[in-house]
């Protein structure tokens, strides 16, 4: 199947995408979706691969900031399908999660999901690989959370 050969070729050509962007509010470094698109677009076009998406699960909630402002929370489970010109394809499912005080929560969630679909399918290296198991968090119980609208998500 051609799609598998093309995806391997993209993996061979994929550059390191470092954590060159900084979250100004929380101070951490990250790989932004624009950096991923800018680095991969040429390779996807060169190798004749494109993606389509399908939402297969979603959670929508309204949350509140410490100061009482509204935040829109979105969690999408999305199936991305990678296609080649011979009609062959392969799919992967990822979650995209985001919050926004305006109308961008859905767009942010889609961007995050697409970025991670690329990371996982093409195993794109970063200059600094920090193992997520290296962190631990203390969790405190929440106050009564609002009941979210749910469609069998996960």
Protein backbone atom coordinates (compact mmCIF):
# COMPACT_ATOMS: atom_id res chain seq x y z
CA UNK A 1 0.00 0.00 0.00
CA UNK A 2 1.44 3.30 -1.11
CA UNK A 3 0.41 5.33 1.98
CA UNK A 4 2.72 3.32 4.23
CA UNK A 5 5.69 3.85 1.90
CA UNK A 6 4.94 7.58 1.70
CA UNK A 7 4.62 7.95 5.46
CA UNK A 8 7.97 6.22 5.96
CA UNK A 9 9.52 8.57 3.39
CA UNK A 10 8.10 11.57 5.26
CA UNK A 11 9.51 10.20 8.53
CA UNK A 12 12.93 9.90 6.91
CA UNK A 13 12.76 13.51 5.69
CA UNK A 14 11.09 15.03 8.77
CA UNK A 15 13.21 17.62 10.54
CA UNK A 16 13.57 18.11 14.26
CA UNK A 17 10.93 20.57 15.40
CA UNK A 18 12.20 22.12 18.59
CA UNK A 19 10.23 23.69 21.38
CA UNK A 20 10.93 27.21 20.15
CA UNK A 21 7.72 28.96 21.24
CA UNK A 22 7.12 30.16 24.78
CA UNK A 23 3.82 30.30 26.65
CA UNK A 24 4.04 33.80 28.10
CA UNK A 25 1.50 33.22 30.85
CA UNK A 26 2.90 29.98 32.28
CA UNK A 27 6.48 30.17 31.02
CA UNK A 28 6.85 26.77 29.34
CA UNK A 29 8.33 26.07 25.91
CA UNK A 30 6.28 24.28 23.24
CA UNK A 31 6.13 23.30 19.58
CA UNK A 32 3.37 25.37 18.01
CA UNK A 33 1.04 24.12 15.31
CA UNK A 34 2.34 26.78 12.90
CA UNK A 35 5.88 25.43 13.26
CA UNK A 36 4.61 21.92 12.56
CA UNK A 37 2.62 23.00 9.48
CA UNK A 38 5.49 25.12 8.17
CA UNK A 39 7.95 22.24 8.47
CA UNK A 40 5.68 19.43 7.24
CA UNK A 41 3.69 21.09 4.45
CA UNK A 42 6.48 20.80 1.90
CA UNK A 43 7.11 17.14 2.82
CA UNK A 44 3.43 16.22 2.64
CA UNK A 45 3.15 17.88 -0.78
CA UNK A 46 6.41 16.33 -2.01
CA UNK A 47 5.28 12.83 -1.03
CA UNK A 48 1.63 13.29 -2.07
CA UNK A 49 -0.01 12.84 1.33
CA UNK A 50 -2.94 14.79 2.73
CA UNK A 51 -5.21 14.46 5.76
CA UNK A 52 -8.92 14.55 6.40
CA UNK A 53 -10.60 14.68 9.79
CA UNK A 54 -13.73 13.36 11.46
CA UNK A 55 -14.98 14.22 14.93
CA UNK A 56 -15.84 10.96 16.65
CA UNK A 57 -16.46 12.28 20.15
CA UNK A 58 -16.82 15.59 21.93
CA UNK A 59 -17.24 17.21 25.32
CA UNK A 60 -18.37 20.83 25.68
CA UNK A 61 -18.38 22.66 29.01
CA UNK A 62 -18.56 26.19 30.27
CA UNK A 63 -16.02 26.82 33.01
CA UNK A 64 -15.11 29.89 35.00
CA UNK A 65 -11.88 31.73 35.73
CA UNK A 66 -10.79 32.68 39.26
CA UNK A 67 -12.14 36.17 38.61
CA UNK A 68 -15.53 34.83 37.48
CA UNK A 69 -15.07 35.15 33.71
CA UNK A 70 -16.46 32.52 31.36
CA UNK A 71 -14.25 29.94 29.67
CA UNK A 72 -15.43 27.61 26.95
CA UNK A 73 -13.87 24.14 27.24
CA UNK A 74 -13.74 21.72 24.31
CA UNK A 75 -12.46 18.17 24.12
CA UNK A 76 -12.65 16.42 20.78
CA UNK A 77 -11.71 12.91 19.81
CA UNK A 78 -10.76 13.18 16.15
CA UNK A 79 -9.91 10.56 13.57
CA UNK A 80 -7.33 11.80 11.09
CA UNK A 81 -6.94 9.85 7.89
CA UNK A 82 -3.75 10.16 5.86
CA UNK A 83 -4.35 9.59 2.13
CA UNK A 84 -2.07 8.85 -0.85
CA UNK A 85 -2.90 9.37 -4.53
CA UNK A 86 -3.48 5.64 -5.12
CA UNK A 87 -6.45 5.76 -2.72
CA UNK A 88 -4.68 3.98 0.12
CA UNK A 89 -5.04 5.48 3.57
CA UNK A 90 -4.30 4.96 7.24
CA UNK A 91 -6.08 6.52 10.21
CA UNK A 92 -5.17 7.54 13.73
CA UNK A 93 -7.30 8.86 16.57
CA UNK A 94 -6.18 11.67 18.86
CA UNK A 95 -7.70 13.97 21.46
CA UNK A 96 -7.64 17.74 21.18
CA UNK A 97 -8.40 19.78 24.28
CA UNK A 98 -8.64 23.55 24.68
CA UNK A 99 -10.21 26.41 26.62
CA UNK A 100 -10.86 29.96 25.48
CA UNK A 101 -12.68 32.99 26.80
CA UNK A 102 -13.93 33.85 23.31
CA UNK A 103 -14.93 31.81 20.31
CA UNK A 104 -11.67 29.94 19.63
CA UNK A 105 -11.85 26.87 21.91
CA UNK A 106 -12.91 24.57 19.06
CA UNK A 107 -10.26 25.91 16.68
CA UNK A 108 -7.58 25.48 19.35
CA UNK A 109 -8.71 21.92 20.10
CA UNK A 110 -8.60 21.01 16.38
CA UNK A 111 -5.11 22.51 16.03
CA UNK A 112 -3.78 20.62 19.04
CA UNK A 113 -5.27 17.35 17.79
CA UNK A 114 -3.84 17.75 14.28
CA UNK A 115 -0.41 18.67 15.67
CA UNK A 116 -0.35 15.53 17.84
CA UNK A 117 -1.58 13.34 15.00
CA UNK A 118 1.49 14.47 13.05
CA UNK A 119 3.79 13.96 16.05
CA UNK A 120 2.51 10.45 16.65
CA UNK A 121 2.32 9.29 13.04
CA UNK A 122 5.68 10.66 11.96
CA UNK A 123 7.51 10.41 15.33
CA UNK A 124 8.81 13.96 14.89
CA UNK A 125 11.74 14.51 17.21
CA UNK A 126 12.26 17.58 19.34
CA UNK A 127 15.66 18.85 20.35
CA UNK A 128 14.71 18.17 23.97
CA UNK A 129 12.79 15.03 24.77
CA UNK A 130 11.29 15.33 28.27
CA UNK A 131 9.56 12.19 29.42
CA UNK A 132 6.04 12.97 30.68
CA UNK A 133 6.54 10.33 33.37
CA UNK A 134 9.13 12.66 34.89
CA UNK A 135 6.33 14.83 36.33
CA UNK A 136 3.86 14.12 39.07
CA UNK A 137 1.00 16.28 40.29
CA UNK A 138 -0.89 16.49 43.55
CA UNK A 139 -4.60 16.59 42.88
CA UNK A 140 -7.11 18.16 45.22
CA UNK A 141 -10.77 17.30 45.04
CA UNK A 142 -12.93 19.65 42.99
CA UNK A 143 -16.05 21.45 44.05
CA UNK A 144 -19.24 20.21 42.42
CA UNK A 145 -18.38 20.34 38.69
CA UNK A 146 -21.03 21.34 36.19
CA UNK A 147 -22.42 18.39 34.27
CA UNK A 148 -20.99 18.56 30.73
CA UNK A 149 -22.85 17.77 27.53
CA UNK A 150 -21.38 14.45 26.45
CA UNK A 151 -21.51 12.23 23.45
CA UNK A 152 -19.81 8.88 23.99
CA UNK A 153 -16.34 10.34 23.71
CA UNK A 154 -13.76 8.01 25.15
